[in-house]
Amino acid sequence: MAEYAVGDVQGCMDALQCVLDRVSFNPEKDRLWLTGDLVNRGAQSLEVLRFVKSLGDAAVVILGNHDLHLLAVAFNKLKPKRKDTLQPILDAPDCDELLHWLRHQSLVHFDAQRNLLMVHAGIPHNWTQEQTMRRASLVEGAIRGKHYRKFFAKMYGNSPTRLRPDLKGEEKLRVITNYLTRMRFIDAKGNLELESKSVPESAPKGFSPWFAFPRDDNLRIIFGHWAALLGKTGNDNFIGLDTGCIWGGELTLMNIDTGDKISCSCASSKPLPLDPLDQGEFQ
């Protein structure tokens, strides 16, 4: 049995099949971790959802910001953004089944034996692993609960910028969601800066990449989301796997235990900047 992790697929089914074929992935004995953003921007989001769902227990799925955006569009009848490629999912005969499955995926996955955590964007340096799991479970409960439509209606926004003890309700859920699915830059106190998508060297004044701050534990973190990094963090404990497939880069798959990586290009993508200036609010 082998376990692999793969970066943001974003509807690139051909690239996903390419990396799995190259390691002879067998769902009967292997397992695949996915860092979130299964859908959007690529042309095969419907095929990706159907395939990953079909893997059953052979897939460990966490939600990314694009997956949450799909759910918000579907359940609150929001107008898709100009660059969205979600309509084939919304028109599919199995749409309800796929969305129900997606809504019941997690925001964080923790493997205690490996002391390894997977999250879409990251976790701030001042959150412990235990705090992260508890806070993620609050949001997961809202997404899975009977009032999930209300959660998606209030999900969008860049404030509050920091998790504070006085926060409750929708504001608390929103900032936790932003940490786990949108974060790139933060400051020493844990304040989020959600506008910039640039490389770490161009961090806004007073802010740094979330993984630049030291942690008190030795937790290893697998994440996606930040294509401009090309997977480079400068620290072996922080493993970035989004290498910008949909932006003209590659889809990267890693053997979790050996660290060996392979990549395939996303043939359907156009060569776009790895730091796309997308003005979408929940990107």
C-alpha atoms as a PDB file:
ATOM      1  CA  MET A   1       0.000   0.000   0.000  1.00  0.00           C
ATOM      2  CA  ALA A   2       1.195   3.487  -0.905  1.00  0.00           C
ATOM      3  CA  GLU A   3      -0.243   6.840   0.093  1.00  0.00           C
ATOM      4  CA  TYR A   4       0.031   9.866  -2.151  1.00  0.00           C
ATOM      5  CA  ALA A   5      -0.907  13.527  -1.916  1.00  0.00           C
ATOM      6  CA  VAL A   6      -1.778  15.665  -4.915  1.00  0.00           C
ATOM      7  CA  GLY A   7      -2.056  19.423  -5.291  1.00  0.00           C
ATOM      8  CA  ASP A   8      -4.971  21.515  -6.540  1.00  0.00           C
ATOM      9  CA  VAL A   9      -6.600  19.669  -9.444  1.00  0.00           C
ATOM     10  CA  GLN A  10      -9.058  22.450 -10.371  1.00  0.00           C
ATOM     11  CA  GLY A  11     -10.886  20.457 -12.996  1.00  0.00           C
ATOM     12  CA  CYS A  12      -7.794  19.045 -14.730  1.00  0.00           C
ATOM     13  CA  MET A  13      -8.880  15.405 -14.947  1.00  0.00           C
ATOM     14  CA  ASP A  14      -6.381  14.501 -17.654  1.00  0.00           C
ATOM     15  CA  ALA A  15      -3.459  15.714 -15.543  1.00  0.00           C
ATOM     16  CA  LEU A  16      -4.797  13.869 -12.493  1.00  0.00           C
ATOM     17  CA  GLN A  17      -5.080  10.654 -14.476  1.00  0.00           C
ATOM     18  CA  CYS A  18      -1.561  11.223 -15.811  1.00  0.00           C
ATOM     19  CA  VAL A  19       0.097  11.403 -12.389  1.00  0.00           C
ATOM     20  CA  LEU A  20      -1.916   8.461 -11.077  1.00  0.00           C
ATOM     21  CA  ASP A  21      -1.002   6.350 -14.096  1.00  0.00           C
ATOM     22  CA  ARG A  22       2.669   7.138 -13.579  1.00  0.00           C
ATOM     23  CA  VAL A  23       2.616   5.587 -10.095  1.00  0.00           C
ATOM     24  CA  SER A  24       0.221   2.774 -11.108  1.00  0.00           C
ATOM     25  CA  PHE A  25      -2.273   3.996  -8.517  1.00  0.00           C
ATOM     26  CA  ASN A  26      -4.609   1.208  -7.410  1.00  0.00           C
ATOM     27  CA  PRO A  27      -7.571   2.306  -5.235  1.00  0.00           C
ATOM     28  CA  GLU A  28      -7.914  -1.221  -3.903  1.00  0.00           C
ATOM     29  CA  LYS A  29      -4.613  -0.894  -2.060  1.00  0.00           C
ATOM     30  CA  ASP A  30      -3.409   2.727  -2.371  1.00  0.00           C
ATOM     31  CA  ARG A  31      -4.802   5.968  -0.981  1.00  0.00           C
ATOM     32  CA  LEU A  32      -4.879   9.481  -2.424  1.00  0.00           C
ATOM     33  CA  TRP A  33      -4.913  12.687  -0.373  1.00  0.00           C
ATOM     34  CA  LEU A  34      -6.222  15.774  -2.203  1.00  0.00           C
ATOM     35  CA  THR A  35      -5.345  19.273  -0.980  1.00  0.00           C
ATOM     36  CA  GLY A  36      -8.667  20.836  -2.008  1.00  0.00           C
ATOM     37  CA  ASP A  37      -9.826  22.873  -5.008  1.00  0.00           C
ATOM     38  CA  LEU A  38     -10.947  19.829  -6.912  1.00  0.00           C
ATOM     39  CA  VAL A  39     -13.011  22.079  -9.161  1.00  0.00           C
ATOM     40  CA  ASN A  40     -13.126  25.318 -11.141  1.00  0.00           C
ATOM     41  CA  ARG A  41     -11.102  26.986 -13.876  1.00  0.00           C
ATOM     42  CA  GLY A  42     -10.338  23.686 -15.595  1.00  0.00           C
ATOM     43  CA  ALA A  43     -12.669  22.121 -18.168  1.00  0.00           C
ATOM     44  CA  GLN A  44     -13.249  18.781 -16.387  1.00  0.00           C
ATOM     45  CA  SER A  45     -14.534  19.696 -12.942  1.00  0.00           C
ATOM     46  CA  LEU A  46     -17.524  17.371 -13.261  1.00  0.00           C
ATOM     47  CA  GLU A  47     -15.301  14.455 -14.242  1.00  0.00           C
ATOM     48  CA  VAL A  48     -12.942  15.154 -11.328  1.00  0.00           C
ATOM     49  CA  LEU A  49     -15.783  15.175  -8.783  1.00  0.00           C
ATOM     50  CA  ARG A  50     -17.239  11.953 -10.126  1.00  0.00           C
ATOM     51  CA  PHE A  51     -13.863  10.229 -10.172  1.00  0.00           C
ATOM     52  CA  VAL A  52     -12.766  11.265  -6.684  1.00  0.00           C
ATOM     53  CA  LYS A  53     -16.160  10.400  -5.229  1.00  0.00           C
ATOM     54  CA  SER A  54     -15.918   6.960  -6.865  1.00  0.00           C
ATOM     55  CA  LEU A  55     -12.670   6.280  -4.988  1.00  0.00           C
ATOM     56  CA  GLY A  56     -14.572   6.015  -1.705  1.00  0.00           C
ATOM     57  CA  ASP A  57     -12.253   5.382   1.243  1.00  0.00           C
ATOM     58  CA  ALA A  58      -9.252   5.413  -1.085  1.00  0.00           C
ATOM     59  CA  ALA A  59      -9.549   9.215  -1.221  1.00  0.00           C
ATOM     60  CA  VAL A  60      -8.913  11.707   1.584  1.00  0.00           C
ATOM     61  CA  VAL A  61     -10.538  14.957   0.487  1.00  0.00           C
ATOM     62  CA  ILE A  62     -10.408  18.382   2.076  1.00  0.00           C
ATOM     63  CA  LEU A  63     -12.274  21.445   0.899  1.00  0.00           C
ATOM     64  CA  GLY A  64     -10.628  24.411  -0.794  1.00  0.00           C
ATOM     65  CA  ASN A  65     -11.989  27.862  -1.491  1.00  0.00           C
ATOM     66  CA  HIS A  66     -13.111  26.897  -5.006  1.00  0.00           C
ATOM     67  CA  ASP A  67     -15.004  23.882  -3.667  1.00  0.00           C
ATOM     68  CA  LEU A  68     -16.751  26.117  -1.140  1.00  0.00           C
ATOM     69  CA  HIS A  69     -17.500  28.606  -3.911  1.00  0.00           C
ATOM     70  CA  LEU A  70     -19.191  25.850  -5.913  1.00  0.00           C
ATOM     71  CA  LEU A  71     -21.374  24.990  -2.921  1.00  0.00           C
ATOM     72  CA  ALA A  72     -22.270  28.651  -2.368  1.00  0.00           C
ATOM     73  CA  VAL A  73     -23.200  29.099  -6.028  1.00  0.00           C
ATOM     74  CA  ALA A  74     -25.298  25.927  -6.020  1.00  0.00           C
ATOM     75  CA  PHE A  75     -27.142  26.383  -2.748  1.00  0.00           C
ATOM     76  CA  ASN A  76     -27.687  30.156  -2.760  1.00  0.00           C
ATOM     77  CA  LYS A  77     -28.329  30.584  -6.483  1.00  0.00           C
ATOM     78  CA  LEU A  78     -25.382  32.949  -6.847  1.00  0.00           C
ATOM     79  CA  LYS A  79     -24.322  34.024 -10.295  1.00  0.00           C
ATOM     80  CA  PRO A  80     -21.064  32.251 -11.235  1.00  0.00           C
ATOM     81  CA  LYS A  81     -18.017  34.473 -11.722  1.00  0.00           C
ATOM     82  CA  ARG A  82     -16.741  35.164 -15.220  1.00  0.00           C
ATOM     83  CA  LYS A  83     -13.881  32.629 -14.992  1.00  0.00           C
ATOM     84  CA  ASP A  84     -15.901  29.882 -13.288  1.00  0.00           C
ATOM     85  CA  THR A  85     -16.268  26.558 -15.087  1.00  0.00           C
ATOM     86  CA  LEU A  86     -18.887  25.119 -12.761  1.00  0.00           C
ATOM     87  CA  GLN A  87     -21.967  24.980 -14.985  1.00  0.00           C
ATOM     88  CA  PRO A  88     -21.496  21.347 -16.158  1.00  0.00           C
ATOM     89  CA  ILE A  89     -21.671  20.275 -12.501  1.00  0.00           C
ATOM     90  CA  LEU A  90     -24.808  22.334 -11.865  1.00  0.00           C
ATOM     91  CA  ASP A  91     -26.450  20.871 -14.995  1.00  0.00           C
ATOM     92  CA  ALA A  92     -25.439  17.252 -14.318  1.00  0.00           C
ATOM     93  CA  PRO A  93     -28.156  14.685 -13.468  1.00  0.00           C
ATOM     94  CA  ASP A  94     -26.124  13.623 -10.422  1.00  0.00           C
ATOM     95  CA  CYS A  95     -25.495  17.198  -9.259  1.00  0.00           C
ATOM     96  CA  ASP A  96     -27.397  16.829  -5.971  1.00  0.00           C
ATOM     97  CA  GLU A  97     -25.551  13.631  -5.122  1.00  0.00           C
ATOM     98  CA  LEU A  98     -22.161  15.166  -5.900  1.00  0.00           C
ATOM     99  CA  LEU A  99     -22.854  18.322  -3.881  1.00  0.00           C
ATOM    100  CA  HIS A 100     -24.117  16.319  -0.919  1.00  0.00           C
ATOM    101  CA  TRP A 101     -20.907  14.297  -0.971  1.00  0.00           C
ATOM    102  CA  LEU A 102     -18.736  17.408  -1.311  1.00  0.00           C
ATOM    103  CA  ARG A 103     -20.540  19.180   1.538  1.00  0.00           C
ATOM    104  CA  HIS A 104     -19.616  16.316   3.866  1.00  0.00           C
ATOM    105  CA  GLN A 105     -15.868  16.462   3.241  1.00  0.00           C
ATOM    106  CA  SER A 106     -13.479  17.904   5.817  1.00  0.00           C
ATOM    107  CA  LEU A 107     -11.465  21.103   6.029  1.00  0.00           C
ATOM    108  CA  VAL A 108      -8.477  19.469   7.715  1.00  0.00           C
ATOM    109  CA  HIS A 109      -7.053  15.949   7.825  1.00  0.00           C
ATOM    110  CA  PHE A 110      -4.585  14.883  10.531  1.00  0.00           C
ATOM    111  CA  ASP A 111      -2.520  11.696  10.553  1.00  0.00           C
ATOM    112  CA  ALA A 112      -1.302  11.256  14.133  1.00  0.00           C
ATOM    113  CA  GLN A 113       1.133   8.460  13.299  1.00  0.00           C
ATOM    114  CA  ARG A 114       2.961  10.673  10.823  1.00  0.00           C
ATOM    115  CA  ASN A 115       2.316  13.914  12.770  1.00  0.00           C
ATOM    116  CA  LEU A 116       1.152  15.199   9.397  1.00  0.00           C
ATOM    117  CA  LEU A 117      -1.716  17.586   8.724  1.00  0.00           C
ATOM    118  CA  MET A 118      -3.286  18.433   5.379  1.00  0.00           C
ATOM    119  CA  VAL A 119      -5.144  21.706   4.830  1.00  0.00           C
ATOM    120  CA  HIS A 120      -5.921  23.711   1.734  1.00  0.00           C
ATOM    121  CA  ALA A 121      -4.261  27.055   2.520  1.00  0.00           C
ATOM    122  CA  GLY A 122      -2.441  26.597   5.841  1.00  0.00           C
ATOM    123  CA  ILE A 123      -2.760  27.096   9.578  1.00  0.00           C
ATOM    124  CA  PRO A 124      -1.400  30.075  11.507  1.00  0.00           C
ATOM    125  CA  HIS A 125       1.646  29.634  13.703  1.00  0.00           C
ATOM    126  CA  ASN A 126      -0.321  30.436  16.870  1.00  0.00           C
ATOM    127  CA  TRP A 127      -2.797  27.575  16.414  1.00  0.00           C
ATOM    128  CA  THR A 128      -1.966  24.154  17.782  1.00  0.00           C
ATOM    129  CA  GLN A 129      -2.961  21.041  15.911  1.00  0.00           C
ATOM    130  CA  GLU A 130      -5.694  20.390  18.475  1.00  0.00           C
ATOM    131  CA  GLN A 131      -7.058  23.927  18.167  1.00  0.00           C
ATOM    132  CA  THR A 132      -7.015  23.621  14.396  1.00  0.00           C
ATOM    133  CA  MET A 133      -9.067  20.444  14.458  1.00  0.00           C
ATOM    134  CA  ARG A 134     -11.616  21.922  16.871  1.00  0.00           C
ATOM    135  CA  ARG A 135     -12.000  25.106  14.861  1.00  0.00           C
ATOM    136  CA  ALA A 136     -12.269  23.233  11.593  1.00  0.00           C
ATOM    137  CA  SER A 137     -14.991  21.051  13.109  1.00  0.00           C
ATOM    138  CA  LEU A 138     -17.066  24.152  13.906  1.00  0.00           C
ATOM    139  CA  VAL A 139     -17.091  25.124  10.236  1.00  0.00           C
ATOM    140  CA  GLU A 140     -17.641  21.536   9.102  1.00  0.00           C
ATOM    141  CA  GLY A 141     -20.652  21.345  11.390  1.00  0.00           C
ATOM    142  CA  ALA A 142     -22.111  24.471   9.827  1.00  0.00           C
ATOM    143  CA  ILE A 143     -21.516  23.171   6.294  1.00  0.00           C
ATOM    144  CA  ARG A 144     -23.064  19.791   7.057  1.00  0.00           C
ATOM    145  CA  GLY A 145     -25.866  21.002   9.319  1.00  0.00           C
ATOM    146  CA  LYS A 146     -29.458  21.916   8.478  1.00  0.00           C
ATOM    147  CA  HIS A 147     -28.642  25.633   8.218  1.00  0.00           C
ATOM    148  CA  TYR A 148     -25.861  25.198   5.667  1.00  0.00           C
ATOM    149  CA  ARG A 149     -27.441  27.641   3.219  1.00  0.00           C
ATOM    150  CA  LYS A 150     -27.121  30.396   5.813  1.00  0.00           C
ATOM    151  CA  PHE A 151     -23.433  29.590   6.240  1.00  0.00           C
ATOM    152  CA  PHE A 152     -22.746  29.919   2.518  1.00  0.00           C
ATOM    153  CA  ALA A 153     -24.721  33.178   2.356  1.00  0.00           C
ATOM    154  CA  LYS A 154     -22.443  34.702   5.015  1.00  0.00           C
ATOM    155  CA  MET A 155     -19.166  33.016   4.019  1.00  0.00           C
ATOM    156  CA  TYR A 156     -17.747  35.713   1.734  1.00  0.00           C
ATOM    157  CA  GLY A 157     -15.673  38.601   3.071  1.00  0.00           C
ATOM    158  CA  ASN A 158     -12.214  39.604   4.281  1.00  0.00           C
ATOM    159  CA  SER A 159     -13.180  40.552   7.810  1.00  0.00           C
ATOM    160  CA  PRO A 160     -12.607  39.890  10.627  1.00  0.00           C
ATOM    161  CA  THR A 161      -8.882  39.734   9.955  1.00  0.00           C
ATOM    162  CA  ARG A 162      -8.041  37.762  13.093  1.00  0.00           C
ATOM    163  CA  LEU A 163      -9.682  35.149  15.302  1.00  0.00           C
ATOM    164  CA  ARG A 164     -10.493  36.859  18.603  1.00  0.00           C
ATOM    165  CA  PRO A 165     -12.091  35.433  21.779  1.00  0.00           C
ATOM    166  CA  ASP A 166     -15.102  37.739  21.404  1.00  0.00           C
ATOM    167  CA  LEU A 167     -16.030  36.518  17.928  1.00  0.00           C
ATOM    168  CA  LYS A 168     -19.178  34.446  17.610  1.00  0.00           C
ATOM    169  CA  GLY A 169     -21.532  33.133  14.964  1.00  0.00           C
ATOM    170  CA  GLU A 170     -20.999  33.946  11.315  1.00  0.00           C
ATOM    171  CA  GLU A 171     -17.924  36.146  11.918  1.00  0.00           C
ATOM    172  CA  LYS A 172     -16.121  33.383  13.789  1.00  0.00           C
ATOM    173  CA  LEU A 173     -16.978  30.833  11.116  1.00  0.00           C
ATOM    174  CA  ARG A 174     -15.893  33.190   8.334  1.00  0.00           C
ATOM    175  CA  VAL A 175     -12.464  33.974   9.757  1.00  0.00           C
ATOM    176  CA  ILE A 176     -11.742  30.298  10.480  1.00  0.00           C
ATOM    177  CA  THR A 177     -12.750  29.472   6.909  1.00  0.00           C
ATOM    178  CA  ASN A 178     -10.487  32.221   5.588  1.00  0.00           C
ATOM    179  CA  TYR A 179      -7.498  30.921   7.555  1.00  0.00           C
ATOM    180  CA  LEU A 180      -7.935  27.362   6.360  1.00  0.00           C
ATOM    181  CA  THR A 181      -8.887  27.973   2.726  1.00  0.00           C
ATOM    182  CA  ARG A 182      -7.610  31.428   1.669  1.00  0.00           C
ATOM    183  CA  MET A 183      -4.606  32.408   3.795  1.00  0.00           C
ATOM    184  CA  ARG A 184      -1.254  33.334   2.272  1.00  0.00           C
ATOM    185  CA  PHE A 185       0.119  36.275   4.265  1.00  0.00           C
ATOM    186  CA  ILE A 186      -0.313  36.985   7.990  1.00  0.00           C
ATOM    187  CA  ASP A 187       1.444  39.082  10.616  1.00  0.00           C
ATOM    188  CA  ALA A 188       2.998  38.022  13.917  1.00  0.00           C
ATOM    189  CA  LYS A 189      -0.325  38.376  15.742  1.00  0.00           C
ATOM    190  CA  GLY A 190      -2.113  36.241  13.180  1.00  0.00           C
ATOM    191  CA  ASN A 191      -3.895  39.006  11.258  1.00  0.00           C
ATOM    192  CA  LEU A 192      -4.781  37.975   7.721  1.00  0.00           C
ATOM    193  CA  GLU A 193      -3.904  39.899   4.575  1.00  0.00           C
ATOM    194  CA  LEU A 194      -6.126  38.439   1.880  1.00  0.00           C
ATOM    195  CA  GLU A 195      -5.639  40.778  -1.054  1.00  0.00           C
ATOM    196  CA  SER A 196      -2.127  39.835  -2.164  1.00  0.00           C
ATOM    197  CA  LYS A 197      -1.455  36.651  -4.129  1.00  0.00           C
ATOM    198  CA  SER A 198       2.153  37.391  -4.979  1.00  0.00           C
ATOM    199  CA  VAL A 199       5.346  35.525  -4.227  1.00  0.00           C
ATOM    200  CA  PRO A 200       6.699  35.626  -0.639  1.00  0.00           C
ATOM    201  CA  GLU A 201       9.374  38.165  -1.592  1.00  0.00           C
ATOM    202  CA  SER A 202       6.620  40.663  -2.386  1.00  0.00           C
ATOM    203  CA  ALA A 203       4.804  40.346   0.928  1.00  0.00           C
ATOM    204  CA  PRO A 204       2.789  43.401   1.983  1.00  0.00           C
ATOM    205  CA  LYS A 205       4.508  45.556   4.590  1.00  0.00           C
ATOM    206  CA  GLY A 206       4.214  44.021   8.055  1.00  0.00           C
ATOM    207  CA  PHE A 207       3.164  40.621   6.719  1.00  0.00           C
ATOM    208  CA  SER A 208       4.939  37.367   5.905  1.00  0.00           C
ATOM    209  CA  PRO A 209       3.957  33.995   4.446  1.00  0.00           C
ATOM    210  CA  TRP A 210       2.107  32.015   7.096  1.00  0.00           C
ATOM    211  CA  PHE A 211       4.791  29.292   7.006  1.00  0.00           C
ATOM    212  CA  ALA A 212       7.601  31.801   7.724  1.00  0.00           C
ATOM    213  CA  PHE A 213       6.731  31.947  11.424  1.00  0.00           C
ATOM    214  CA  PRO A 214       8.246  29.300  13.739  1.00  0.00           C
ATOM    215  CA  ARG A 215       5.978  26.740  15.351  1.00  0.00           C
ATOM    216  CA  ASP A 216       6.349  25.316  18.851  1.00  0.00           C
ATOM    217  CA  ASP A 217       5.584  21.794  17.656  1.00  0.00           C
ATOM    218  CA  ASN A 218       7.162  19.722  14.907  1.00  0.00           C
ATOM    219  CA  LEU A 219       3.959  19.424  12.920  1.00  0.00           C
ATOM    220  CA  ARG A 220       4.359  18.758   9.203  1.00  0.00           C
ATOM    221  CA  ILE A 221       1.787  20.422   6.965  1.00  0.00           C
ATOM    222  CA  ILE A 222       0.766  19.565   3.418  1.00  0.00           C
ATOM    223  CA  PHE A 223      -1.095  22.355   1.646  1.00  0.00           C
ATOM    224  CA  GLY A 224      -2.104  23.687  -1.771  1.00  0.00           C
ATOM    225  CA  HIS A 225      -3.712  27.005  -2.745  1.00  0.00           C
ATOM    226  CA  TRP A 226      -0.604  29.126  -3.425  1.00  0.00           C
ATOM    227  CA  ALA A 227       0.383  28.429  -7.019  1.00  0.00           C
ATOM    228  CA  ALA A 228       2.964  31.210  -7.152  1.00  0.00           C
ATOM    229  CA  LEU A 229       5.138  29.295  -4.683  1.00  0.00           C
ATOM    230  CA  LEU A 230       5.668  26.458  -7.159  1.00  0.00           C
ATOM    231  CA  GLY A 231       5.784  24.263  -4.061  1.00  0.00           C
ATOM    232  CA  LYS A 232       8.810  26.011  -2.532  1.00  0.00           C
ATOM    233  CA  THR A 233       8.631  27.015   1.143  1.00  0.00           C
ATOM    234  CA  GLY A 234      12.228  26.692   2.306  1.00  0.00           C
ATOM    235  CA  ASN A 235      11.166  24.390   5.160  1.00  0.00           C
ATOM    236  CA  ASP A 236      10.731  20.633   4.870  1.00  0.00           C
ATOM    237  CA  ASN A 237       7.894  20.704   7.425  1.00  0.00           C
ATOM    238  CA  PHE A 238       5.742  22.824   5.092  1.00  0.00           C
ATOM    239  CA  ILE A 239       4.999  20.960   1.873  1.00  0.00           C
ATOM    240  CA  GLY A 240       3.333  22.993  -0.861  1.00  0.00           C
ATOM    241  CA  LEU A 241       1.817  20.915  -3.649  1.00  0.00           C
ATOM    242  CA  ASP A 242       0.014  23.498  -5.772  1.00  0.00           C
ATOM    243  CA  THR A 243       2.374  23.962  -8.701  1.00  0.00           C
ATOM    244  CA  GLY A 244      -0.054  25.886 -10.868  1.00  0.00           C
ATOM    245  CA  CYS A 245      -1.400  23.249 -13.236  1.00  0.00           C
ATOM    246  CA  ILE A 246      -4.334  25.374 -14.341  1.00  0.00           C
ATOM    247  CA  TRP A 247      -2.086  28.422 -14.785  1.00  0.00           C
ATOM    248  CA  GLY A 248       0.200  26.714 -17.265  1.00  0.00           C
ATOM    249  CA  GLY A 249       2.288  24.873 -14.672  1.00  0.00           C
ATOM    250  CA  GLU A 250       2.032  21.268 -13.565  1.00  0.00           C
ATOM    251  CA  LEU A 251      -0.007  19.004 -11.313  1.00  0.00           C
ATOM    252  CA  THR A 252       2.253  17.489  -8.668  1.00  0.00           C
ATOM    253  CA  LEU A 253       1.780  14.213  -6.814  1.00  0.00           C
ATOM    254  CA  MET A 254       3.957  13.172  -3.863  1.00  0.00           C
ATOM    255  CA  ASN A 255       4.509   9.843  -2.147  1.00  0.00           C
ATOM    256  CA  ILE A 256       3.714  10.803   1.433  1.00  0.00           C
ATOM    257  CA  ASP A 257       6.252   8.482   3.017  1.00  0.00           C
ATOM    258  CA  THR A 258       9.213   8.800   0.644  1.00  0.00           C
ATOM    259  CA  GLY A 259       8.685  12.395  -0.458  1.00  0.00           C
ATOM    260  CA  ASP A 260       9.210  11.432  -4.102  1.00  0.00           C
ATOM    261  CA  LYS A 261       7.320  13.720  -6.486  1.00  0.00           C
ATOM    262  CA  ILE A 262       6.136  13.442 -10.070  1.00  0.00           C
ATOM    263  CA  SER A 263       4.347  16.010 -12.192  1.00  0.00           C
ATOM    264  CA  CYS A 264       2.214  16.240 -15.325  1.00  0.00           C
ATOM    265  CA  SER A 265       1.287  19.369 -17.253  1.00  0.00           C
ATOM    266  CA  CYS A 266      -2.297  20.479 -17.604  1.00  0.00           C
ATOM    267  CA  ALA A 267      -2.649  20.264 -21.352  1.00  0.00           C
ATOM    268  CA  SER A 268      -6.008  22.074 -21.406  1.00  0.00           C
ATOM    269  CA  SER A 269      -4.707  25.160 -19.583  1.00  0.00           C
ATOM    270  CA  LYS A 270      -3.437  28.326 -21.186  1.00  0.00           C
ATOM    271  CA  PRO A 271      -0.051  29.757 -20.210  1.00  0.00           C
ATOM    272  CA  LEU A 272      -1.167  32.318 -17.635  1.00  0.00           C
ATOM    273  CA  PRO A 273       0.810  34.070 -14.890  1.00  0.00           C
ATOM    274  CA  LEU A 274       1.367  31.959 -11.795  1.00  0.00           C
ATOM    275  CA  ASP A 275       0.242  34.997  -9.798  1.00  0.00           C
ATOM    276  CA  PRO A 276      -3.126  35.577 -11.496  1.00  0.00           C
ATOM    277  CA  LEU A 277      -4.754  38.860 -10.522  1.00  0.00           C
ATOM    278  CA  ASP A 278      -8.248  37.540 -10.039  1.00  0.00           C
ATOM    279  CA  GLN A 279     -10.602  39.985  -8.411  1.00  0.00           C
ATOM    280  CA  GLY A 280     -12.999  37.286  -7.215  1.00  0.00           C
ATOM    281  CA  GLU A 281     -13.910  37.918  -3.600  1.00  0.00           C
ATOM    282  CA  PHE A 282     -13.487  34.368  -2.374  1.00  0.00           C
ATOM    283  CA  GLN A 283     -10.268  33.438  -4.152  1.00  0.00           C
END
